[in-house]
Amino acid sequence: MKISSHQVRAALEAYVNGHRHRASVASPSPAATGARPRVDDFEHRLKDLPDQRDTLVHDLRRKIRRGSYFVSSRDIVDALLGRLTADLLYLE
């Protein structure tokens, strides 16, 4: 499963905002400590990564044709929980 850059942005924003809400009055906000520039830097590096989806699709098709494609139940559960977590963070 591929998580879109929009979902990554939403998860990062939820993380930063969650810390902002939990911080005490005396603690500096994430924006004051430089959290926003770190999020922007991460987003910039994420956008610069090459899209390898075509290669993945080609490899998966080849494995399926050969009958050698296998996904463990643990991997399926991890992907489902990861997607659920990303969706829940996006909704908040």
Protein backbone atom coordinates (compact mmCIF):
# COMPACT_ATOMS: atom_id res chain seq x y z
CA MET A 1 0.00 0.00 0.00
CA LYS A 2 1.29 3.41 -0.86
CA ILE A 3 0.52 6.36 1.38
CA SER A 4 0.12 9.56 -0.61
CA SER A 5 2.10 12.71 0.09
CA HIS A 6 -1.20 14.33 1.12
CA GLN A 7 -1.67 11.67 3.79
CA VAL A 8 1.92 12.07 4.97
CA ARG A 9 1.36 15.84 5.25
CA ALA A 10 -1.86 15.27 7.23
CA ALA A 11 -0.13 12.82 9.57
CA LEU A 12 2.76 15.22 10.16
CA GLU A 13 0.38 18.11 10.79
CA ALA A 14 -1.63 15.95 13.22
CA TYR A 15 1.59 15.01 15.01
CA VAL A 16 2.75 18.61 15.29
CA ASN A 17 -0.70 19.86 16.32
CA GLY A 18 -1.08 17.02 18.83
CA HIS A 19 2.12 18.06 20.54
CA ARG A 20 1.00 21.67 20.50
CA HIS A 21 -2.24 20.79 22.31
CA ARG A 22 -0.47 18.65 24.91
CA ALA A 23 2.21 21.21 25.68
CA SER A 24 1.89 23.12 28.90
CA VAL A 25 1.57 26.90 28.93
CA ALA A 26 5.20 27.26 29.99
CA SER A 27 6.49 25.05 27.15
CA PRO A 28 7.30 26.68 23.83
CA SER A 29 5.09 25.76 20.89
CA PRO A 30 6.41 23.46 18.12
CA ALA A 31 6.40 26.44 15.77
CA ALA A 32 8.66 28.34 18.17
CA THR A 33 11.03 25.37 18.44
CA GLY A 34 11.30 24.89 14.70
CA ALA A 35 8.84 22.01 14.15
CA ARG A 36 7.27 23.62 11.08
CA PRO A 37 10.57 24.00 9.22
CA ARG A 38 11.33 20.33 9.98
CA VAL A 39 7.96 19.31 8.54
CA ASP A 40 8.60 21.45 5.45
CA ASP A 41 12.07 19.92 5.07
CA PHE A 42 10.62 16.43 5.33
CA GLU A 43 7.94 17.22 2.74
CA HIS A 44 10.59 18.64 0.39
CA ARG A 45 12.75 15.51 0.71
CA LEU A 46 9.68 13.31 0.21
CA LYS A 47 8.78 15.10 -3.03
CA ASP A 48 12.36 14.65 -4.28
CA LEU A 49 12.21 10.85 -3.95
CA PRO A 50 11.88 9.09 -7.27
CA ASP A 51 8.53 7.43 -7.91
CA GLN A 52 9.24 3.72 -8.10
CA ARG A 53 5.64 2.63 -8.47
CA ASP A 54 6.09 1.49 -12.09
CA THR A 55 9.00 -0.74 -11.09
CA LEU A 56 7.00 -2.17 -8.21
CA VAL A 57 3.99 -2.90 -10.43
CA HIS A 58 6.19 -4.56 -13.05
CA ASP A 59 7.89 -6.77 -10.45
CA LEU A 60 4.56 -7.73 -8.86
CA ARG A 61 3.05 -8.66 -12.23
CA ARG A 62 6.05 -10.85 -13.02
CA LYS A 63 5.82 -12.63 -9.64
CA ILE A 64 2.07 -13.16 -10.03
CA ARG A 65 2.54 -14.65 -13.52
CA ARG A 66 5.20 -17.02 -12.19
CA GLY A 67 3.09 -17.97 -9.19
CA SER A 68 5.80 -16.84 -6.78
CA TYR A 69 3.92 -13.90 -5.25
CA PHE A 70 3.25 -14.39 -1.55
CA VAL A 71 2.22 -11.99 1.18
CA SER A 72 2.34 -13.15 4.78
CA SER A 73 -0.66 -12.60 7.01
CA ARG A 74 1.54 -10.44 9.26
CA ASP A 75 2.34 -8.11 6.34
CA ILE A 76 -1.35 -7.84 5.47
CA VAL A 77 -2.28 -6.94 9.05
CA ASP A 78 0.58 -4.42 9.27
CA ALA A 79 -0.59 -2.74 6.06
CA LEU A 80 -4.22 -2.64 7.20
CA LEU A 81 -3.30 -1.16 10.58
CA GLY A 82 -0.97 1.34 8.94
CA ARG A 83 -3.73 2.45 6.59
CA LEU A 84 -6.22 2.67 9.45
CA THR A 85 -3.77 4.80 11.45
CA ALA A 86 -3.15 7.12 8.50
CA ASP A 87 -6.89 7.46 7.90
CA LEU A 88 -7.60 8.21 11.56
CA LEU A 89 -4.85 10.84 11.68
CA TYR A 90 -6.23 12.43 8.51
CA LEU A 91 -9.73 12.67 10.00
CA GLU A 92 -8.56 14.51 13.12
